[in-house]
Amino acid sequence: MIPWKLLPLLAILLGLALSTASCRDERTDRIVANWLLCTECSDNELDSIQALDHRAVEPLARALRGPTPAERQHMQLRFEALYDELAAHATRYGEPLSVTRQDYVNRLLENLDALYRVRAAEGLEVIGSSAADEALQNLLAEVDSGTVTLRPDVEARLRALAATP
């Protein structure tokens, strides 16, 4: 039995342990997000994924499903604002855009989804653990069963990564 005088100390220690774990999860999520969204990827983002090793498998496995609804909505708003800026610029110079706002936004969201999935698979491949391989194989099994549909170029890249020894 734990003496009652030690309970406050135990509560503090438990809180510290939980907050430390939470900080590690936030750091891991930030590193994974940096990899998924890097433009030139010149700041060793993939090396950071490899350094995370097994801690990156779960967030990368989630990213194989594409951006979350909240991430998609955030990016949709950014893409719509970008289109509006381009349209205003085109109007100023008398050059109408050859694509509608909806088509523009849809194409960029489609590309975002592709980028997430391919980068997630590349991250899992560089980790190379059995859990990382299993995450990619599970997604491809869903593609094979018809429950998940991927753009052909994305599917081809994921299959190539899955075949890498």
N, C-alpha and C. Protein backbone atom coordinates (compact mmCIF):
# COMPACT_ATOMS: atom_id res chain seq x y z
N MET A 1 0.83 -1.18 0.00
CA MET A 1 0.00 0.00 0.00
C MET A 1 0.88 1.25 0.00
N ILE A 2 0.46 2.26 -0.76
CA ILE A 2 1.20 3.51 -0.88
C ILE A 2 0.75 4.46 0.22
N PRO A 3 1.70 5.00 0.99
CA PRO A 3 1.32 5.97 2.03
C PRO A 3 0.64 7.18 1.41
N TRP A 4 -0.40 7.68 2.03
CA TRP A 4 -1.18 8.79 1.49
C TRP A 4 -0.35 10.03 1.28
N LYS A 5 0.72 10.20 2.03
CA LYS A 5 1.57 11.38 1.88
C LYS A 5 2.32 11.38 0.55
N LEU A 6 2.50 10.20 -0.03
CA LEU A 6 3.21 10.11 -1.30
C LEU A 6 2.31 10.29 -2.52
N LEU A 7 1.00 10.27 -2.34
CA LEU A 7 0.07 10.38 -3.47
C LEU A 7 0.26 11.66 -4.29
N PRO A 8 0.41 12.84 -3.65
CA PRO A 8 0.63 14.03 -4.48
C PRO A 8 1.91 13.95 -5.33
N LEU A 9 2.97 13.38 -4.73
CA LEU A 9 4.21 13.23 -5.47
C LEU A 9 4.03 12.26 -6.65
N LEU A 10 3.33 11.17 -6.43
CA LEU A 10 3.06 10.22 -7.50
C LEU A 10 2.23 10.85 -8.61
N ALA A 11 1.26 11.67 -8.22
CA ALA A 11 0.43 12.35 -9.21
C ALA A 11 1.28 13.29 -10.07
N ILE A 12 2.21 13.99 -9.44
CA ILE A 12 3.09 14.90 -10.18
C ILE A 12 3.98 14.11 -11.14
N LEU A 13 4.55 13.01 -10.65
CA LEU A 13 5.41 12.18 -11.50
C LEU A 13 4.64 11.60 -12.68
N LEU A 14 3.42 11.15 -12.43
CA LEU A 14 2.59 10.62 -13.51
C LEU A 14 2.28 11.71 -14.53
N GLY A 15 1.95 12.91 -14.06
CA GLY A 15 1.69 14.03 -14.96
C GLY A 15 2.90 14.37 -15.81
N LEU A 16 4.09 14.35 -15.20
CA LEU A 16 5.32 14.62 -15.96
C LEU A 16 5.55 13.54 -17.01
N ALA A 17 5.33 12.30 -16.64
CA ALA A 17 5.53 11.22 -17.60
C ALA A 17 4.57 11.35 -18.78
N LEU A 18 3.32 11.68 -18.50
CA LEU A 18 2.34 11.83 -19.57
C LEU A 18 2.65 13.03 -20.45
N SER A 19 3.06 14.14 -19.85
CA SER A 19 3.36 15.33 -20.66
C SER A 19 4.61 15.11 -21.50
N THR A 20 5.58 14.36 -20.99
CA THR A 20 6.77 14.05 -21.77
C THR A 20 6.40 13.19 -22.97
N ALA A 21 5.54 12.20 -22.75
CA ALA A 21 5.09 11.35 -23.86
C ALA A 21 4.34 12.18 -24.88
N SER A 22 3.52 13.12 -24.42
CA SER A 22 2.77 13.97 -25.32
C SER A 22 3.70 14.84 -26.15
N CYS A 23 4.76 15.38 -25.52
CA CYS A 23 5.72 16.21 -26.25
C CYS A 23 6.43 15.38 -27.31
N ARG A 24 6.78 14.11 -26.96
CA ARG A 24 7.42 13.25 -27.95
C ARG A 24 6.49 13.01 -29.13
N ASP A 25 5.19 12.77 -28.85
CA ASP A 25 4.24 12.55 -29.92
C ASP A 25 4.11 13.79 -30.79
N GLU A 26 4.06 14.96 -30.17
CA GLU A 26 3.95 16.21 -30.94
C GLU A 26 5.20 16.42 -31.79
N ARG A 27 6.36 16.11 -31.24
CA ARG A 27 7.61 16.25 -32.00
C ARG A 27 7.60 15.28 -33.18
N THR A 28 7.21 14.05 -32.93
CA THR A 28 7.14 13.06 -34.00
C THR A 28 6.17 13.51 -35.08
N ASP A 29 4.99 13.97 -34.68
CA ASP A 29 4.00 14.45 -35.65
C ASP A 29 4.53 15.62 -36.46
N ARG A 30 5.28 16.52 -35.80
CA ARG A 30 5.83 17.68 -36.51
C ARG A 30 6.88 17.23 -37.53
N ILE A 31 7.73 16.28 -37.14
CA ILE A 31 8.76 15.79 -38.06
C ILE A 31 8.11 15.09 -39.26
N VAL A 32 7.08 14.28 -38.99
CA VAL A 32 6.38 13.60 -40.08
C VAL A 32 5.70 14.61 -40.99
N ALA A 33 5.04 15.62 -40.41
CA ALA A 33 4.38 16.65 -41.22
C ALA A 33 5.40 17.40 -42.08
N ASN A 34 6.57 17.69 -41.52
CA ASN A 34 7.62 18.36 -42.30
C ASN A 34 8.02 17.51 -43.50
N TRP A 35 8.09 16.20 -43.33
CA TRP A 35 8.43 15.31 -44.44
C TRP A 35 7.30 15.26 -45.46
N LEU A 36 6.08 15.15 -44.99
CA LEU A 36 4.95 15.02 -45.91
C LEU A 36 4.77 16.26 -46.78
N LEU A 37 5.11 17.43 -46.24
CA LEU A 37 4.79 18.68 -46.94
C LEU A 37 6.01 19.46 -47.42
N CYS A 38 7.21 18.92 -47.26
CA CYS A 38 8.38 19.70 -47.68
C CYS A 38 8.32 19.93 -49.19
N THR A 39 8.81 21.08 -49.60
CA THR A 39 8.78 21.44 -51.02
C THR A 39 10.04 20.93 -51.72
N GLU A 40 11.18 21.36 -51.25
CA GLU A 40 12.42 20.90 -51.85
C GLU A 40 13.05 19.77 -51.06
N CYS A 41 12.59 19.57 -49.85
CA CYS A 41 13.07 18.48 -48.98
C CYS A 41 14.59 18.50 -48.89
N SER A 42 15.14 19.66 -48.64
CA SER A 42 16.59 19.82 -48.58
C SER A 42 17.11 20.00 -47.15
N ASP A 43 16.24 19.81 -46.17
CA ASP A 43 16.65 19.96 -44.77
C ASP A 43 16.68 18.62 -44.03
N ASN A 44 17.05 17.58 -44.74
CA ASN A 44 17.20 16.24 -44.16
C ASN A 44 15.90 15.69 -43.56
N GLU A 45 14.77 16.04 -44.17
CA GLU A 45 13.49 15.57 -43.65
C GLU A 45 13.39 14.05 -43.65
N LEU A 46 13.84 13.40 -44.71
CA LEU A 46 13.76 11.94 -44.76
C LEU A 46 14.72 11.30 -43.76
N ASP A 47 15.89 11.90 -43.56
CA ASP A 47 16.81 11.40 -42.54
C ASP A 47 16.18 11.50 -41.15
N SER A 48 15.40 12.55 -40.93
CA SER A 48 14.71 12.71 -39.64
C SER A 48 13.67 11.62 -39.44
N ILE A 49 13.00 11.23 -40.53
CA ILE A 49 12.04 10.12 -40.46
C ILE A 49 12.77 8.84 -40.09
N GLN A 50 13.89 8.60 -40.76
CA GLN A 50 14.66 7.39 -40.49
C GLN A 50 15.14 7.37 -39.04
N ALA A 51 15.54 8.52 -38.52
CA ALA A 51 16.00 8.60 -37.14
C ALA A 51 14.88 8.30 -36.14
N LEU A 52 13.65 8.66 -36.49
CA LEU A 52 12.52 8.36 -35.61
C LEU A 52 12.26 6.86 -35.52
N ASP A 53 12.62 6.15 -36.58
CA ASP A 53 12.47 4.70 -36.65
C ASP A 53 11.03 4.30 -36.34
N HIS A 54 10.82 3.37 -35.44
CA HIS A 54 9.48 2.81 -35.17
C HIS A 54 8.46 3.84 -34.71
N ARG A 55 8.92 4.96 -34.13
CA ARG A 55 7.99 5.99 -33.67
C ARG A 55 7.26 6.68 -34.82
N ALA A 56 7.82 6.61 -36.02
CA ALA A 56 7.20 7.26 -37.17
C ALA A 56 6.22 6.35 -37.90
N VAL A 57 6.21 5.07 -37.59
CA VAL A 57 5.39 4.13 -38.36
C VAL A 57 3.91 4.47 -38.25
N GLU A 58 3.41 4.70 -37.05
CA GLU A 58 1.97 4.96 -36.90
C GLU A 58 1.52 6.23 -37.64
N PRO A 59 2.20 7.38 -37.46
CA PRO A 59 1.75 8.56 -38.21
C PRO A 59 1.92 8.41 -39.73
N LEU A 60 2.94 7.70 -40.16
CA LEU A 60 3.10 7.47 -41.60
C LEU A 60 2.03 6.52 -42.13
N ALA A 61 1.67 5.52 -41.35
CA ALA A 61 0.60 4.60 -41.76
C ALA A 61 -0.72 5.37 -41.89
N ARG A 62 -0.96 6.32 -40.99
CA ARG A 62 -2.17 7.16 -41.12
C ARG A 62 -2.09 8.01 -42.37
N ALA A 63 -0.89 8.52 -42.68
CA ALA A 63 -0.72 9.39 -43.85
C ALA A 63 -0.89 8.63 -45.15
N LEU A 64 -0.73 7.30 -45.13
CA LEU A 64 -0.99 6.51 -46.33
C LEU A 64 -2.44 6.67 -46.78
N ARG A 65 -3.30 7.09 -45.88
CA ARG A 65 -4.73 7.30 -46.19
C ARG A 65 -4.98 8.68 -46.77
N GLY A 66 -3.93 9.50 -46.85
CA GLY A 66 -4.09 10.86 -47.35
C GLY A 66 -4.28 11.83 -46.21
N PRO A 67 -4.42 13.11 -46.53
CA PRO A 67 -4.60 14.12 -45.49
C PRO A 67 -5.91 13.89 -44.72
N THR A 68 -5.91 14.32 -43.47
CA THR A 68 -7.13 14.24 -42.68
C THR A 68 -8.16 15.22 -43.24
N PRO A 69 -9.43 15.06 -42.90
CA PRO A 69 -10.44 16.03 -43.37
C PRO A 69 -10.08 17.46 -42.96
N ALA A 70 -9.57 17.65 -41.77
CA ALA A 70 -9.20 19.00 -41.32
C ALA A 70 -8.05 19.56 -42.16
N GLU A 71 -7.06 18.72 -42.46
CA GLU A 71 -5.95 19.16 -43.30
C GLU A 71 -6.43 19.48 -44.71
N ARG A 72 -7.31 18.65 -45.24
CA ARG A 72 -7.86 18.91 -46.58
C ARG A 72 -8.62 20.23 -46.61
N GLN A 73 -9.44 20.46 -45.59
CA GLN A 73 -10.22 21.69 -45.54
C GLN A 73 -9.30 22.91 -45.45
N HIS A 74 -8.27 22.82 -44.62
CA HIS A 74 -7.31 23.92 -44.48
C HIS A 74 -6.63 24.20 -45.82
N MET A 75 -6.19 23.15 -46.49
CA MET A 75 -5.51 23.33 -47.77
C MET A 75 -6.48 23.80 -48.85
N GLN A 76 -7.72 23.34 -48.80
CA GLN A 76 -8.70 23.80 -49.77
C GLN A 76 -8.87 25.31 -49.67
N LEU A 77 -8.95 25.82 -48.45
CA LEU A 77 -9.07 27.26 -48.27
C LEU A 77 -7.84 27.99 -48.81
N ARG A 78 -6.67 27.43 -48.59
CA ARG A 78 -5.44 28.04 -49.12
C ARG A 78 -5.43 28.01 -50.64
N PHE A 79 -5.86 26.91 -51.24
CA PHE A 79 -5.87 26.79 -52.70
C PHE A 79 -6.90 27.73 -53.31
N GLU A 80 -8.05 27.88 -52.65
CA GLU A 80 -9.06 28.82 -53.15
C GLU A 80 -8.55 30.25 -53.11
N ALA A 81 -7.86 30.60 -52.03
CA ALA A 81 -7.28 31.95 -51.93
C ALA A 81 -6.21 32.16 -53.00
N LEU A 82 -5.43 31.14 -53.25
CA LEU A 82 -4.40 31.24 -54.29
C LEU A 82 -5.04 31.44 -55.66
N TYR A 83 -6.11 30.69 -55.94
CA TYR A 83 -6.80 30.85 -57.21
C TYR A 83 -7.34 32.28 -57.34
N ASP A 84 -7.93 32.79 -56.27
CA ASP A 84 -8.49 34.14 -56.30
C ASP A 84 -7.40 35.17 -56.61
N GLU A 85 -6.21 34.97 -56.04
CA GLU A 85 -5.09 35.88 -56.34
C GLU A 85 -4.69 35.78 -57.81
N LEU A 86 -4.62 34.55 -58.31
CA LEU A 86 -4.26 34.36 -59.72
C LEU A 86 -5.31 34.97 -60.64
N ALA A 87 -6.59 34.80 -60.30
CA ALA A 87 -7.68 35.35 -61.12
C ALA A 87 -7.63 36.87 -61.13
N ALA A 88 -7.35 37.46 -59.96
CA ALA A 88 -7.26 38.92 -59.89
C ALA A 88 -6.10 39.42 -60.74
N HIS A 89 -4.99 38.74 -60.66
CA HIS A 89 -3.83 39.11 -61.46
C HIS A 89 -4.14 38.98 -62.95
N ALA A 90 -4.80 37.88 -63.32
CA ALA A 90 -5.15 37.66 -64.73
C ALA A 90 -6.11 38.72 -65.23
N THR A 91 -7.06 39.10 -64.39
CA THR A 91 -8.04 40.13 -64.77
C THR A 91 -7.33 41.46 -64.99
N ARG A 92 -6.40 41.80 -64.11
CA ARG A 92 -5.65 43.05 -64.24
C ARG A 92 -4.93 43.14 -65.58
N TYR A 93 -4.47 42.01 -66.07
CA TYR A 93 -3.69 42.00 -67.30
C TYR A 93 -4.48 41.48 -68.50
N GLY A 94 -5.79 41.33 -68.34
CA GLY A 94 -6.65 40.93 -69.44
C GLY A 94 -6.39 39.52 -69.97
N GLU A 95 -5.92 38.66 -69.10
CA GLU A 95 -5.65 37.27 -69.49
C GLU A 95 -6.49 36.34 -68.63
N PRO A 96 -7.64 35.93 -69.13
CA PRO A 96 -8.50 35.07 -68.31
C PRO A 96 -7.85 33.71 -68.04
N LEU A 97 -8.15 33.16 -66.89
CA LEU A 97 -7.61 31.84 -66.56
C LEU A 97 -8.32 30.77 -67.38
N SER A 98 -7.59 29.75 -67.73
CA SER A 98 -8.16 28.70 -68.56
C SER A 98 -8.73 27.54 -67.74
N VAL A 99 -8.80 27.72 -66.43
CA VAL A 99 -9.31 26.67 -65.55
C VAL A 99 -10.27 27.31 -64.54
N THR A 100 -11.31 26.59 -64.21
CA THR A 100 -12.25 27.11 -63.22
C THR A 100 -11.65 26.98 -61.83
N ARG A 101 -12.19 27.74 -60.92
CA ARG A 101 -11.73 27.69 -59.53
C ARG A 101 -11.87 26.28 -58.98
N GLN A 102 -13.03 25.66 -59.22
CA GLN A 102 -13.27 24.31 -58.69
C GLN A 102 -12.30 23.29 -59.27
N ASP A 103 -12.06 23.37 -60.58
CA ASP A 103 -11.12 22.43 -61.20
C ASP A 103 -9.70 22.64 -60.67
N TYR A 104 -9.32 23.89 -60.49
CA TYR A 104 -8.00 24.22 -59.97
C TYR A 104 -7.81 23.65 -58.56
N VAL A 105 -8.79 23.92 -57.70
CA VAL A 105 -8.72 23.46 -56.32
C VAL A 105 -8.74 21.93 -56.26
N ASN A 106 -9.62 21.31 -57.05
CA ASN A 106 -9.70 19.85 -57.05
C ASN A 106 -8.38 19.22 -57.49
N ARG A 107 -7.74 19.79 -58.51
CA ARG A 107 -6.47 19.25 -58.99
C ARG A 107 -5.40 19.35 -57.91
N LEU A 108 -5.35 20.50 -57.23
CA LEU A 108 -4.34 20.65 -56.18
C LEU A 108 -4.62 19.74 -55.00
N LEU A 109 -5.88 19.54 -54.65
CA LEU A 109 -6.21 18.61 -53.57
C LEU A 109 -5.87 17.17 -53.95
N GLU A 110 -6.09 16.83 -55.20
CA GLU A 110 -5.72 15.50 -55.70
C GLU A 110 -4.22 15.30 -55.61
N ASN A 111 -3.46 16.32 -55.98
CA ASN A 111 -2.01 16.25 -55.90
C ASN A 111 -1.53 16.18 -54.45
N LEU A 112 -2.20 16.90 -53.57
CA LEU A 112 -1.86 16.84 -52.15
C LEU A 112 -2.06 15.42 -51.61
N ASP A 113 -3.17 14.81 -51.98
CA ASP A 113 -3.45 13.45 -51.55
C ASP A 113 -2.36 12.50 -52.07
N ALA A 114 -1.99 12.66 -53.32
CA ALA A 114 -0.94 11.82 -53.91
C ALA A 114 0.39 12.02 -53.19
N LEU A 115 0.74 13.26 -52.93
CA LEU A 115 1.99 13.58 -52.25
C LEU A 115 2.04 12.93 -50.87
N TYR A 116 0.96 13.08 -50.10
CA TYR A 116 0.90 12.48 -48.76
C TYR A 116 1.14 10.99 -48.83
N ARG A 117 0.44 10.32 -49.72
CA ARG A 117 0.52 8.86 -49.78
C ARG A 117 1.90 8.39 -50.22
N VAL A 118 2.46 9.02 -51.23
CA VAL A 118 3.77 8.62 -51.72
C VAL A 118 4.84 8.92 -50.68
N ARG A 119 4.81 10.10 -50.08
CA ARG A 119 5.81 10.43 -49.06
C ARG A 119 5.68 9.51 -47.85
N ALA A 120 4.45 9.18 -47.47
CA ALA A 120 4.26 8.25 -46.35
C ALA A 120 4.90 6.91 -46.67
N ALA A 121 4.66 6.42 -47.87
CA ALA A 121 5.24 5.13 -48.28
C ALA A 121 6.76 5.20 -48.34
N GLU A 122 7.29 6.31 -48.83
CA GLU A 122 8.75 6.47 -48.88
C GLU A 122 9.34 6.49 -47.46
N GLY A 123 8.64 7.14 -46.55
CA GLY A 123 9.09 7.16 -45.16
C GLY A 123 9.06 5.77 -44.55
N LEU A 124 8.00 5.03 -44.81
CA LEU A 124 7.91 3.66 -44.28
C LEU A 124 9.00 2.79 -44.89
N GLU A 125 9.29 2.99 -46.17
CA GLU A 125 10.31 2.19 -46.84
C GLU A 125 11.68 2.45 -46.24
N VAL A 126 11.98 3.69 -45.91
CA VAL A 126 13.30 4.01 -45.35
C VAL A 126 13.42 3.47 -43.92
N ILE A 127 12.31 3.36 -43.21
CA ILE A 127 12.34 2.75 -41.87
C ILE A 127 12.60 1.26 -42.01
N GLY A 128 11.87 0.61 -42.91
CA GLY A 128 12.15 -0.76 -43.26
C GLY A 128 11.82 -1.82 -42.23
N SER A 129 11.11 -1.50 -41.19
CA SER A 129 10.76 -2.51 -40.19
C SER A 129 9.59 -3.36 -40.68
N SER A 130 9.33 -4.44 -39.99
CA SER A 130 8.21 -5.29 -40.38
C SER A 130 6.89 -4.54 -40.20
N ALA A 131 6.78 -3.69 -39.18
CA ALA A 131 5.55 -2.91 -38.98
C ALA A 131 5.37 -1.90 -40.11
N ALA A 132 6.47 -1.30 -40.57
CA ALA A 132 6.39 -0.35 -41.68
C ALA A 132 5.96 -1.06 -42.96
N ASP A 133 6.57 -2.22 -43.21
CA ASP A 133 6.19 -3.00 -44.41
C ASP A 133 4.73 -3.43 -44.33
N GLU A 134 4.30 -3.84 -43.16
CA GLU A 134 2.92 -4.30 -42.98
C GLU A 134 1.92 -3.17 -43.25
N ALA A 135 2.24 -1.96 -42.83
CA ALA A 135 1.33 -0.82 -43.06
C ALA A 135 1.11 -0.61 -44.56
N LEU A 136 2.18 -0.66 -45.33
CA LEU A 136 2.07 -0.47 -46.78
C LEU A 136 1.36 -1.65 -47.42
N GLN A 137 1.67 -2.85 -47.00
CA GLN A 137 1.01 -4.04 -47.56
C GLN A 137 -0.49 -4.03 -47.26
N ASN A 138 -0.86 -3.56 -46.07
CA ASN A 138 -2.29 -3.48 -45.71
C ASN A 138 -3.04 -2.54 -46.64
N LEU A 139 -2.44 -1.40 -46.94
CA LEU A 139 -3.09 -0.46 -47.86
C LEU A 139 -3.21 -1.08 -49.25
N LEU A 140 -2.16 -1.72 -49.72
CA LEU A 140 -2.21 -2.32 -51.05
C LEU A 140 -3.22 -3.47 -51.11
N ALA A 141 -3.41 -4.17 -50.01
CA ALA A 141 -4.44 -5.22 -49.97
C ALA A 141 -5.83 -4.59 -50.11
N GLU A 142 -6.02 -3.43 -49.52
CA GLU A 142 -7.30 -2.72 -49.67
C GLU A 142 -7.49 -2.24 -51.10
N VAL A 143 -6.42 -1.84 -51.75
CA VAL A 143 -6.50 -1.45 -53.16
C VAL A 143 -6.89 -2.67 -53.99
N ASP A 144 -6.25 -3.80 -53.72
CA ASP A 144 -6.54 -5.03 -54.45
C ASP A 144 -7.98 -5.48 -54.26
N SER A 145 -8.53 -5.26 -53.07
CA SER A 145 -9.91 -5.68 -52.80
C SER A 145 -10.93 -4.67 -53.30
N GLY A 146 -10.46 -3.50 -53.74
CA GLY A 146 -11.37 -2.48 -54.26
C GLY A 146 -11.95 -1.56 -53.20
N THR A 147 -11.52 -1.68 -51.95
CA THR A 147 -12.05 -0.79 -50.91
C THR A 147 -11.35 0.56 -50.88
N VAL A 148 -10.16 0.63 -51.48
CA VAL A 148 -9.42 1.89 -51.59
C VAL A 148 -9.03 2.06 -53.04
N THR A 149 -9.22 3.26 -53.56
CA THR A 149 -8.84 3.58 -54.94
C THR A 149 -7.74 4.62 -54.90
N LEU A 150 -6.69 4.35 -55.65
CA LEU A 150 -5.58 5.28 -55.76
C LEU A 150 -5.44 5.73 -57.21
N ARG A 151 -4.91 6.91 -57.38
CA ARG A 151 -4.54 7.36 -58.71
C ARG A 151 -3.51 6.37 -59.26
N PRO A 152 -3.56 6.06 -60.55
CA PRO A 152 -2.66 5.04 -61.11
C PRO A 152 -1.17 5.31 -60.83
N ASP A 153 -0.73 6.56 -60.93
CA ASP A 153 0.68 6.85 -60.68
C ASP A 153 1.04 6.61 -59.22
N VAL A 154 0.12 6.90 -58.32
CA VAL A 154 0.37 6.69 -56.90
C VAL A 154 0.42 5.19 -56.60
N GLU A 155 -0.53 4.46 -57.14
CA GLU A 155 -0.53 3.01 -56.93
C GLU A 155 0.76 2.38 -57.45
N ALA A 156 1.21 2.80 -58.62
CA ALA A 156 2.44 2.25 -59.19
C ALA A 156 3.64 2.54 -58.30
N ARG A 157 3.71 3.75 -57.78
CA ARG A 157 4.84 4.12 -56.90
C ARG A 157 4.79 3.33 -55.60
N LEU A 158 3.62 3.18 -55.02
CA LEU A 158 3.49 2.42 -53.77
C LEU A 158 3.84 0.96 -53.99
N ARG A 159 3.42 0.40 -55.09
CA ARG A 159 3.76 -1.01 -55.39
C ARG A 159 5.28 -1.16 -55.60
N ALA A 160 5.89 -0.19 -56.24
CA ALA A 160 7.34 -0.25 -56.43
C ALA A 160 8.07 -0.17 -55.09
N LEU A 161 7.60 0.69 -54.21
CA LEU A 161 8.21 0.79 -52.89
C LEU A 161 8.00 -0.48 -52.08
N ALA A 162 6.83 -1.07 -52.21
CA ALA A 162 6.53 -2.31 -51.46
C ALA A 162 7.40 -3.46 -51.96
N ALA A 163 7.82 -3.42 -53.22
CA ALA A 163 8.63 -4.49 -53.80
C ALA A 163 10.11 -4.32 -53.48
N THR A 164 10.49 -3.17 -52.93
CA THR A 164 11.88 -2.91 -52.60
C THR A 164 12.29 -3.77 -51.42
N PRO A 165 13.39 -4.54 -51.58
CA PRO A 165 13.81 -5.41 -50.46
C PRO A 165 14.38 -4.63 -49.29
